[in-house]
Amino acid sequence: MAGSDKSSKPRNAQSVREIIREMGFTCLPFNEGAVAPFSRLRSKERLKIADAIHLACAASAGIDLFLTGDKQLTKLDIPGIQFIAEFNTPIL
């Protein structure tokens, strides 16, 4: 979504959000429940800020499956997230 927000056409960002919702995905908030996981991921796992935010929000929401393009993240065991897998990994 970040790329669409940079667009000079404001409708692009809105279109991307609508497509994401239609596909059944939800944008999660960074709320109070994500603060402790974020802090733990930054200090103990030394993750980049963006990765720590994404994972903390997912953990706070109790996500079953977190898909990523970053193989390093798949090695993590994060309370609140059942599975972390690469996009190209067969799940079943």
PDB file of N, CA and C in Angstrom:
ATOM      1  N   MET A   1       0.807  -1.187   0.000  1.00  0.00           N
ATOM      2  CA  MET A   1       0.000   0.000   0.000  1.00  0.00           C
ATOM      3  C   MET A   1       0.854   1.256   0.000  1.00  0.00           C
ATOM      4  N   ALA A   2       2.076   1.175   0.500  1.00  0.00           N
ATOM      5  CA  ALA A   2       2.912   2.369   0.565  1.00  0.00           C
ATOM      6  C   ALA A   2       3.152   2.949  -0.823  1.00  0.00           C
ATOM      7  N   GLY A   3       3.370   2.092  -1.806  1.00  0.00           N
ATOM      8  CA  GLY A   3       3.597   2.564  -3.166  1.00  0.00           C
ATOM      9  C   GLY A   3       2.390   3.299  -3.716  1.00  0.00           C
ATOM     10  N   SER A   4       1.200   2.801  -3.422  1.00  0.00           N
ATOM     11  CA  SER A   4      -0.005   3.459  -3.929  1.00  0.00           C
ATOM     12  C   SER A   4      -0.235   4.800  -3.237  1.00  0.00           C
ATOM     13  N   ASP A   5       0.203   4.935  -1.998  1.00  0.00           N
ATOM     14  CA  ASP A   5       0.058   6.207  -1.288  1.00  0.00           C
ATOM     15  C   ASP A   5       0.975   7.280  -1.864  1.00  0.00           C
ATOM     16  N   LYS A   6       2.056   6.881  -2.518  1.00  0.00           N
ATOM     17  CA  LYS A   6       2.974   7.843  -3.126  1.00  0.00           C
ATOM     18  C   LYS A   6       2.464   8.353  -4.469  1.00  0.00           C
ATOM     19  N   SER A   7       1.469   7.682  -5.010  1.00  0.00           N
ATOM     20  CA  SER A   7       0.941   8.023  -6.324  1.00  0.00           C
ATOM     21  C   SER A   7       0.349   9.424  -6.335  1.00  0.00           C
ATOM     22  N   SER A   8       0.483  10.089  -7.472  1.00  0.00           N
ATOM     23  CA  SER A   8      -0.111  11.422  -7.619  1.00  0.00           C
ATOM     24  C   SER A   8      -1.622  11.310  -7.831  1.00  0.00           C
ATOM     25  N   LYS A   9      -2.108  10.088  -7.984  1.00  0.00           N
ATOM     26  CA  LYS A   9      -3.542   9.851  -8.170  1.00  0.00           C
ATOM     27  C   LYS A   9      -4.115   9.272  -6.876  1.00  0.00           C
ATOM     28  N   PRO A  10      -4.822  10.071  -6.085  1.00  0.00           N
ATOM     29  CA  PRO A  10      -5.342   9.593  -4.798  1.00  0.00           C
ATOM     30  C   PRO A  10      -6.255   8.380  -4.920  1.00  0.00           C
ATOM     31  N   ARG A  11      -6.881   8.196  -6.058  1.00  0.00           N
ATOM     32  CA  ARG A  11      -7.780   7.049  -6.249  1.00  0.00           C
ATOM     33  C   ARG A  11      -7.004   5.737  -6.235  1.00  0.00           C
ATOM     34  N   ASN A  12      -5.715   5.764  -6.608  1.00  0.00           N
ATOM     35  CA  ASN A  12      -4.918   4.530  -6.610  1.00  0.00           C
ATOM     36  C   ASN A  12      -4.857   3.911  -5.216  1.00  0.00           C
ATOM     37  N   ALA A  13      -4.575   4.735  -4.212  1.00  0.00           N
ATOM     38  CA  ALA A  13      -4.476   4.239  -2.840  1.00  0.00           C
ATOM     39  C   ALA A  13      -5.819   3.677  -2.389  1.00  0.00           C
ATOM     40  N   GLN A  14      -6.901   4.358  -2.707  1.00  0.00           N
ATOM     41  CA  GLN A  14      -8.231   3.886  -2.336  1.00  0.00           C
ATOM     42  C   GLN A  14      -8.551   2.568  -3.040  1.00  0.00           C
ATOM     43  N   SER A  15      -8.185   2.462  -4.302  1.00  0.00           N
ATOM     44  CA  SER A  15      -8.434   1.233  -5.060  1.00  0.00           C
ATOM     45  C   SER A  15      -7.688   0.052  -4.456  1.00  0.00           C
ATOM     46  N   VAL A  16      -6.454   0.271  -4.067  1.00  0.00           N
ATOM     47  CA  VAL A  16      -5.656  -0.805  -3.462  1.00  0.00           C
ATOM     48  C   VAL A  16      -6.318  -1.255  -2.164  1.00  0.00           C
ATOM     49  N   ARG A  17      -6.757  -0.327  -1.337  1.00  0.00           N
ATOM     50  CA  ARG A  17      -7.420  -0.690  -0.079  1.00  0.00           C
ATOM     51  C   ARG A  17      -8.698  -1.488  -0.338  1.00  0.00           C
ATOM     52  N   GLU A  18      -9.461  -1.086  -1.331  1.00  0.00           N
ATOM     53  CA  GLU A  18     -10.697  -1.800  -1.666  1.00  0.00           C
ATOM     54  C   GLU A  18     -10.402  -3.221  -2.142  1.00  0.00           C
ATOM     55  N   ILE A  19      -9.385  -3.378  -2.973  1.00  0.00           N
ATOM     56  CA  ILE A  19      -9.010  -4.706  -3.468  1.00  0.00           C
ATOM     57  C   ILE A  19      -8.570  -5.591  -2.308  1.00  0.00           C
ATOM     58  N   ILE A  20      -7.795  -5.039  -1.384  1.00  0.00           N
ATOM     59  CA  ILE A  20      -7.335  -5.796  -0.220  1.00  0.00           C
ATOM     60  C   ILE A  20      -8.532  -6.280   0.594  1.00  0.00           C
ATOM     61  N   ARG A  21      -9.509  -5.409   0.817  1.00  0.00           N
ATOM     62  CA  ARG A  21     -10.715  -5.803   1.563  1.00  0.00           C
ATOM     63  C   ARG A  21     -11.504  -6.877   0.810  1.00  0.00           C
ATOM     64  N   GLU A  22     -11.644  -6.717  -0.502  1.00  0.00           N
ATOM     65  CA  GLU A  22     -12.390  -7.691  -1.312  1.00  0.00           C
ATOM     66  C   GLU A  22     -11.740  -9.071  -1.265  1.00  0.00           C
ATOM     67  N   MET A  23     -10.420  -9.111  -1.120  1.00  0.00           N
ATOM     68  CA  MET A  23      -9.701 -10.379  -1.049  1.00  0.00           C
ATOM     69  C   MET A  23      -9.822 -11.022   0.335  1.00  0.00           C
ATOM     70  N   GLY A  24     -10.438 -10.319   1.266  1.00  0.00           N
ATOM     71  CA  GLY A  24     -10.641 -10.869   2.600  1.00  0.00           C
ATOM     72  C   GLY A  24      -9.562 -10.513   3.598  1.00  0.00           C
ATOM     73  N   PHE A  25      -8.651  -9.618   3.230  1.00  0.00           N
ATOM     74  CA  PHE A  25      -7.596  -9.193   4.135  1.00  0.00           C
ATOM     75  C   PHE A  25      -8.073  -8.019   4.981  1.00  0.00           C
ATOM     76  N   THR A  26      -7.476  -7.861   6.137  1.00  0.00           N
ATOM     77  CA  THR A  26      -7.811  -6.779   7.043  1.00  0.00           C
ATOM     78  C   THR A  26      -6.540  -6.037   7.422  1.00  0.00           C
ATOM     79  N   CYS A  27      -6.622  -4.729   7.460  1.00  0.00           N
ATOM     80  CA  CYS A  27      -5.498  -3.923   7.953  1.00  0.00           C
ATOM     81  C   CYS A  27      -5.622  -3.843   9.469  1.00  0.00           C
ATOM     82  N   LEU A  28      -4.561  -4.229  10.152  1.00  0.00           N
ATOM     83  CA  LEU A  28      -4.579  -4.244  11.610  1.00  0.00           C
ATOM     84  C   LEU A  28      -4.008  -2.954  12.174  1.00  0.00           C
ATOM     85  N   PRO A  29      -4.570  -2.472  13.274  1.00  0.00           N
ATOM     86  CA  PRO A  29      -4.043  -1.252  13.882  1.00  0.00           C
ATOM     87  C   PRO A  29      -2.837  -1.547  14.778  1.00  0.00           C
ATOM     88  N   PHE A  30      -1.986  -0.551  14.905  1.00  0.00           N
ATOM     89  CA  PHE A  30      -0.933  -0.628  15.925  1.00  0.00           C
ATOM     90  C   PHE A  30      -1.555  -0.009  17.164  1.00  0.00           C
ATOM     91  N   ASN A  31      -1.958  -0.870  18.102  1.00  0.00           N
ATOM     92  CA  ASN A  31      -2.651  -0.380  19.289  1.00  0.00           C
ATOM     93  C   ASN A  31      -1.881  -0.777  20.545  1.00  0.00           C
ATOM     94  N   GLU A  32      -2.515  -0.566  21.704  1.00  0.00           N
ATOM     95  CA  GLU A  32      -1.842  -0.877  22.972  1.00  0.00           C
ATOM     96  C   GLU A  32      -1.381  -2.322  23.064  1.00  0.00           C
ATOM     97  N   GLY A  33      -2.165  -3.218  22.471  1.00  0.00           N
ATOM     98  CA  GLY A  33      -1.808  -4.639  22.513  1.00  0.00           C
ATOM     99  C   GLY A  33      -0.558  -4.965  21.728  1.00  0.00           C
ATOM    100  N   ALA A  34      -0.179  -4.105  20.795  1.00  0.00           N
ATOM    101  CA  ALA A  34       1.000  -4.348  19.967  1.00  0.00           C
ATOM    102  C   ALA A  34       2.278  -3.753  20.561  1.00  0.00           C
ATOM    103  N   VAL A  35       2.138  -2.911  21.575  1.00  0.00           N
ATOM    104  CA  VAL A  35       3.309  -2.210  22.129  1.00  0.00           C
ATOM    105  C   VAL A  35       4.320  -3.182  22.742  1.00  0.00           C
ATOM    106  N   ALA A  36       3.864  -4.085  23.602  1.00  0.00           N
ATOM    107  CA  ALA A  36       4.787  -5.023  24.256  1.00  0.00           C
ATOM    108  C   ALA A  36       5.446  -5.969  23.245  1.00  0.00           C
ATOM    109  N   PRO A  37       4.675  -6.587  22.316  1.00  0.00           N
ATOM    110  CA  PRO A  37       5.350  -7.433  21.318  1.00  0.00           C
ATOM    111  C   PRO A  37       6.350  -6.647  20.469  1.00  0.00           C
ATOM    112  N   PHE A  38       6.004  -5.415  20.111  1.00  0.00           N
ATOM    113  CA  PHE A  38       6.912  -4.576  19.323  1.00  0.00           C
ATOM    114  C   PHE A  38       8.223  -4.362  20.080  1.00  0.00           C
ATOM    115  N   SER A  39       8.113  -3.986  21.321  1.00  0.00           N
ATOM    116  CA  SER A  39       9.305  -3.728  22.138  1.00  0.00           C
ATOM    117  C   SER A  39      10.168  -4.979  22.252  1.00  0.00           C
ATOM    118  N   ARG A  40       9.516  -6.121  22.492  1.00  0.00           N
ATOM    119  CA  ARG A  40      10.244  -7.393  22.626  1.00  0.00           C
ATOM    120  C   ARG A  40      10.932  -7.767  21.312  1.00  0.00           C
ATOM    121  N   LEU A  41      10.243  -7.605  20.201  1.00  0.00           N
ATOM    122  CA  LEU A  41      10.832  -7.953  18.899  1.00  0.00           C
ATOM    123  C   LEU A  41      12.010  -7.050  18.547  1.00  0.00           C
ATOM    124  N   ARG A  42      11.912  -5.784  18.881  1.00  0.00           N
ATOM    125  CA  ARG A  42      13.013  -4.859  18.591  1.00  0.00           C
ATOM    126  C   ARG A  42      14.220  -5.155  19.473  1.00  0.00           C
ATOM    127  N   SER A  43      13.987  -5.427  20.742  1.00  0.00           N
ATOM    128  CA  SER A  43      15.116  -5.607  21.655  1.00  0.00           C
ATOM    129  C   SER A  43      15.726  -7.011  21.580  1.00  0.00           C
ATOM    130  N   LYS A  44      14.893  -8.037  21.545  1.00  0.00           N
ATOM    131  CA  LYS A  44      15.421  -9.405  21.580  1.00  0.00           C
ATOM    132  C   LYS A  44      15.766  -9.956  20.211  1.00  0.00           C
ATOM    133  N   GLU A  45      14.957  -9.654  19.216  1.00  0.00           N
ATOM    134  CA  GLU A  45      15.193 -10.205  17.877  1.00  0.00           C
ATOM    135  C   GLU A  45      15.948  -9.231  16.977  1.00  0.00           C
ATOM    136  N   ARG A  46      16.059  -7.989  17.432  1.00  0.00           N
ATOM    137  CA  ARG A  46      16.761  -6.939  16.676  1.00  0.00           C
ATOM    138  C   ARG A  46      16.197  -6.772  15.261  1.00  0.00           C
ATOM    139  N   LEU A  47      14.873  -6.808  15.173  1.00  0.00           N
ATOM    140  CA  LEU A  47      14.216  -6.652  13.883  1.00  0.00           C
ATOM    141  C   LEU A  47      14.162  -5.200  13.453  1.00  0.00           C
ATOM    142  N   LYS A  48      14.050  -4.998  12.150  1.00  0.00           N
ATOM    143  CA  LYS A  48      13.835  -3.653  11.629  1.00  0.00           C
ATOM    144  C   LYS A  48      12.495  -3.165  12.144  1.00  0.00           C
ATOM    145  N   ILE A  49      12.352  -1.848  12.231  1.00  0.00           N
ATOM    146  CA  ILE A  49      11.127  -1.260  12.780  1.00  0.00           C
ATOM    147  C   ILE A  49       9.889  -1.752  12.031  1.00  0.00           C
ATOM    148  N   ALA A  50       9.924  -1.715  10.706  1.00  0.00           N
ATOM    149  CA  ALA A  50       8.740  -2.119   9.929  1.00  0.00           C
ATOM    150  C   ALA A  50       8.381  -3.581  10.188  1.00  0.00           C
ATOM    151  N   ASP A  51       9.370  -4.463  10.218  1.00  0.00           N
ATOM    152  CA  ASP A  51       9.100  -5.876  10.483  1.00  0.00           C
ATOM    153  C   ASP A  51       8.508  -6.059  11.878  1.00  0.00           C
ATOM    154  N   ALA A  52       9.069  -5.364  12.850  1.00  0.00           N
ATOM    155  CA  ALA A  52       8.585  -5.469  14.229  1.00  0.00           C
ATOM    156  C   ALA A  52       7.152  -4.952  14.344  1.00  0.00           C
ATOM    157  N   ILE A  53       6.821  -3.882  13.648  1.00  0.00           N
ATOM    158  CA  ILE A  53       5.453  -3.355  13.669  1.00  0.00           C
ATOM    159  C   ILE A  53       4.489  -4.372  13.071  1.00  0.00           C
ATOM    160  N   HIS A  54       4.825  -4.909  11.908  1.00  0.00           N
ATOM    161  CA  HIS A  54       3.943  -5.880  11.247  1.00  0.00           C
ATOM    162  C   HIS A  54       3.707  -7.101  12.129  1.00  0.00           C
ATOM    163  N   LEU A  55       4.779  -7.650  12.665  1.00  0.00           N
ATOM    164  CA  LEU A  55       4.661  -8.849  13.492  1.00  0.00           C
ATOM    165  C   LEU A  55       3.955  -8.563  14.819  1.00  0.00           C
ATOM    166  N   ALA A  56       4.213  -7.410  15.405  1.00  0.00           N
ATOM    167  CA  ALA A  56       3.570  -7.049  16.677  1.00  0.00           C
ATOM    168  C   ALA A  56       2.059  -6.893  16.494  1.00  0.00           C
ATOM    169  N   CYS A  57       1.653  -6.275  15.406  1.00  0.00           N
ATOM    170  CA  CYS A  57       0.215  -6.126  15.130  1.00  0.00           C
ATOM    171  C   CYS A  57      -0.426  -7.488  14.912  1.00  0.00           C
ATOM    172  N   ALA A  58       0.249  -8.358  14.180  1.00  0.00           N
ATOM    173  CA  ALA A  58      -0.266  -9.700  13.924  1.00  0.00           C
ATOM    174  C   ALA A  58      -0.358 -10.500  15.225  1.00  0.00           C
ATOM    175  N   ALA A  59       0.670 -10.417  16.050  1.00  0.00           N
ATOM    176  CA  ALA A  59       0.677 -11.142  17.321  1.00  0.00           C
ATOM    177  C   ALA A  59      -0.434 -10.633  18.236  1.00  0.00           C
ATOM    178  N   SER A  60      -0.597  -9.327  18.281  1.00  0.00           N
ATOM    179  CA  SER A  60      -1.629  -8.713  19.112  1.00  0.00           C
ATOM    180  C   SER A  60      -3.025  -9.154  18.691  1.00  0.00           C
ATOM    181  N   ALA A  61      -3.210  -9.381  17.393  1.00  0.00           N
ATOM    182  CA  ALA A  61      -4.515  -9.791  16.865  1.00  0.00           C
ATOM    183  C   ALA A  61      -4.699 -11.311  16.891  1.00  0.00           C
ATOM    184  N   GLY A  62      -3.654 -12.057  17.257  1.00  0.00           N
ATOM    185  CA  GLY A  62      -3.748 -13.510  17.314  1.00  0.00           C
ATOM    186  C   GLY A  62      -3.885 -14.150  15.938  1.00  0.00           C
ATOM    187  N   ILE A  63      -3.075 -13.696  15.006  1.00  0.00           N
ATOM    188  CA  ILE A  63      -3.129 -14.179  13.627  1.00  0.00           C
ATOM    189  C   ILE A  63      -2.654 -15.630  13.530  1.00  0.00           C
ATOM    190  N   ASP A  64      -3.382 -16.426  12.758  1.00  0.00           N
ATOM    191  CA  ASP A  64      -2.987 -17.822  12.560  1.00  0.00           C
ATOM    192  C   ASP A  64      -1.813 -17.955  11.598  1.00  0.00           C
ATOM    193  N   LEU A  65      -1.843 -17.185  10.499  1.00  0.00           N
ATOM    194  CA  LEU A  65      -0.828 -17.320   9.461  1.00  0.00           C
ATOM    195  C   LEU A  65      -0.321 -15.955   9.034  1.00  0.00           C
ATOM    196  N   PHE A  66       0.974 -15.749   9.163  1.00  0.00           N
ATOM    197  CA  PHE A  66       1.631 -14.510   8.744  1.00  0.00           C
ATOM    198  C   PHE A  66       2.494 -14.863   7.537  1.00  0.00           C
ATOM    199  N   LEU A  67       2.151 -14.309   6.382  1.00  0.00           N
ATOM    200  CA  LEU A  67       2.923 -14.563   5.160  1.00  0.00           C
ATOM    201  C   LEU A  67       3.941 -13.448   4.943  1.00  0.00           C
ATOM    202  N   THR A  68       5.132 -13.832   4.520  1.00  0.00           N
ATOM    203  CA  THR A  68       6.205 -12.865   4.337  1.00  0.00           C
ATOM    204  C   THR A  68       7.078 -13.249   3.143  1.00  0.00           C
ATOM    205  N   GLY A  69       7.788 -12.288   2.648  1.00  0.00           N
ATOM    206  CA  GLY A  69       8.781 -12.536   1.607  1.00  0.00           C
ATOM    207  C   GLY A  69      10.173 -12.628   2.199  1.00  0.00           C
ATOM    208  N   ASP A  70      10.284 -12.502   3.515  1.00  0.00           N
ATOM    209  CA  ASP A  70      11.565 -12.476   4.222  1.00  0.00           C
ATOM    210  C   ASP A  70      11.808 -13.812   4.927  1.00  0.00           C
ATOM    211  N   LYS A  71      12.702 -14.602   4.378  1.00  0.00           N
ATOM    212  CA  LYS A  71      12.988 -15.936   4.915  1.00  0.00           C
ATOM    213  C   LYS A  71      13.454 -15.879   6.376  1.00  0.00           C
ATOM    214  N   GLN A  72      14.142 -14.811   6.756  1.00  0.00           N
ATOM    215  CA  GLN A  72      14.637 -14.667   8.132  1.00  0.00           C
ATOM    216  C   GLN A  72      13.489 -14.680   9.145  1.00  0.00           C
ATOM    217  N   LEU A  73      12.372 -14.066   8.775  1.00  0.00           N
ATOM    218  CA  LEU A  73      11.241 -13.976   9.701  1.00  0.00           C
ATOM    219  C   LEU A  73      10.591 -15.326   9.948  1.00  0.00           C
ATOM    220  N   THR A  74      10.715 -16.249   8.996  1.00  0.00           N
ATOM    221  CA  THR A  74      10.084 -17.556   9.151  1.00  0.00           C
ATOM    222  C   THR A  74      10.725 -18.381  10.263  1.00  0.00           C
ATOM    223  N   LYS A  75      11.893 -17.988  10.700  1.00  0.00           N
ATOM    224  CA  LYS A  75      12.601 -18.724  11.752  1.00  0.00           C
ATOM    225  C   LYS A  75      12.164 -18.305  13.155  1.00  0.00           C
ATOM    226  N   LEU A  76      11.379 -17.242  13.238  1.00  0.00           N
ATOM    227  CA  LEU A  76      10.982 -16.709  14.534  1.00  0.00           C
ATOM    228  C   LEU A  76       9.806 -17.470  15.137  1.00  0.00           C
ATOM    229  N   ASP A  77       9.791 -17.562  16.456  1.00  0.00           N
ATOM    230  CA  ASP A  77       8.661 -18.125  17.196  1.00  0.00           C
ATOM    231  C   ASP A  77       8.077 -16.975  18.003  1.00  0.00           C
ATOM    232  N   ILE A  78       6.911 -16.487  17.581  1.00  0.00           N
ATOM    233  CA  ILE A  78       6.327 -15.295  18.189  1.00  0.00           C
ATOM    234  C   ILE A  78       4.986 -15.648  18.819  1.00  0.00           C
ATOM    235  N   PRO A  79       4.881 -15.473  20.144  1.00  0.00           N
ATOM    236  CA  PRO A  79       3.600 -15.730  20.802  1.00  0.00           C
ATOM    237  C   PRO A  79       2.489 -14.897  20.151  1.00  0.00           C
ATOM    238  N   GLY A  80       1.377 -15.557  19.843  1.00  0.00           N
ATOM    239  CA  GLY A  80       0.256 -14.872  19.212  1.00  0.00           C
ATOM    240  C   GLY A  80       0.152 -15.124  17.724  1.00  0.00           C
ATOM    241  N   ILE A  81       1.219 -15.668  17.117  1.00  0.00           N
ATOM    242  CA  ILE A  81       1.207 -16.006  15.692  1.00  0.00           C
ATOM    243  C   ILE A  81       1.454 -17.510  15.581  1.00  0.00           C
ATOM    244  N   GLN A  82       0.489 -18.221  15.002  1.00  0.00           N
ATOM    245  CA  GLN A  82       0.612 -19.675  14.889  1.00  0.00           C
ATOM    246  C   GLN A  82       1.724 -20.099  13.936  1.00  0.00           C
ATOM    247  N   PHE A  83       1.684 -19.531  12.711  1.00  0.00           N
ATOM    248  CA  PHE A  83       2.652 -19.913  11.683  1.00  0.00           C
ATOM    249  C   PHE A  83       3.166 -18.679  10.959  1.00  0.00           C
ATOM    250  N   ILE A  84       4.467 -18.686  10.642  1.00  0.00           N
ATOM    251  CA  ILE A  84       5.062 -17.657   9.797  1.00  0.00           C
ATOM    252  C   ILE A  84       5.657 -18.406   8.612  1.00  0.00           C
ATOM    253  N   ALA A  85       5.198 -18.053   7.410  1.00  0.00           N
ATOM    254  CA  ALA A  85       5.641 -18.776   6.222  1.00  0.00           C
ATOM    255  C   ALA A  85       5.958 -17.808   5.093  1.00  0.00           C
ATOM    256  N   GLU A  86       6.819 -18.268   4.189  1.00  0.00           N
ATOM    257  CA  GLU A  86       7.117 -17.489   2.989  1.00  0.00           C
ATOM    258  C   GLU A  86       5.949 -17.589   2.013  1.00  0.00           C
ATOM    259  N   PHE A  87       5.803 -16.570   1.179  1.00  0.00           N
ATOM    260  CA  PHE A  87       4.742 -16.570   0.183  1.00  0.00           C
ATOM    261  C   PHE A  87       4.782 -17.814  -0.691  1.00  0.00           C
ATOM    262  N   ASN A  88       5.975 -18.290  -1.020  1.00  0.00           N
ATOM    263  CA  ASN A  88       6.129 -19.407  -1.942  1.00  0.00           C
ATOM    264  C   ASN A  88       6.087 -20.780  -1.287  1.00  0.00           C
ATOM    265  N   THR A  89       5.895 -20.836   0.020  1.00  0.00           N
ATOM    266  CA  THR A  89       5.879 -22.105   0.724  1.00  0.00           C
ATOM    267  C   THR A  89       4.500 -22.752   0.599  1.00  0.00           C
ATOM    268  N   PRO A  90       4.449 -24.011   0.158  1.00  0.00           N
ATOM    269  CA  PRO A  90       3.160 -24.701   0.129  1.00  0.00           C
ATOM    270  C   PRO A  90       2.679 -24.884   1.574  1.00  0.00           C
ATOM    271  N   ILE A  91       1.491 -24.423   1.868  1.00  0.00           N
ATOM    272  CA  ILE A  91       0.969 -24.475   3.231  1.00  0.00           C
ATOM    273  C   ILE A  91       0.366 -25.847   3.542  1.00  0.00           C
ATOM    274  N   LEU A  92      -0.324 -26.434   2.588  1.00  0.00           N
ATOM    275  CA  LEU A  92      -0.969 -27.727   2.832  1.00  0.00           C
ATOM    276  C   LEU A  92      -0.222 -28.845   2.154  1.00  0.00           C
TER     277      LEU A  92
END
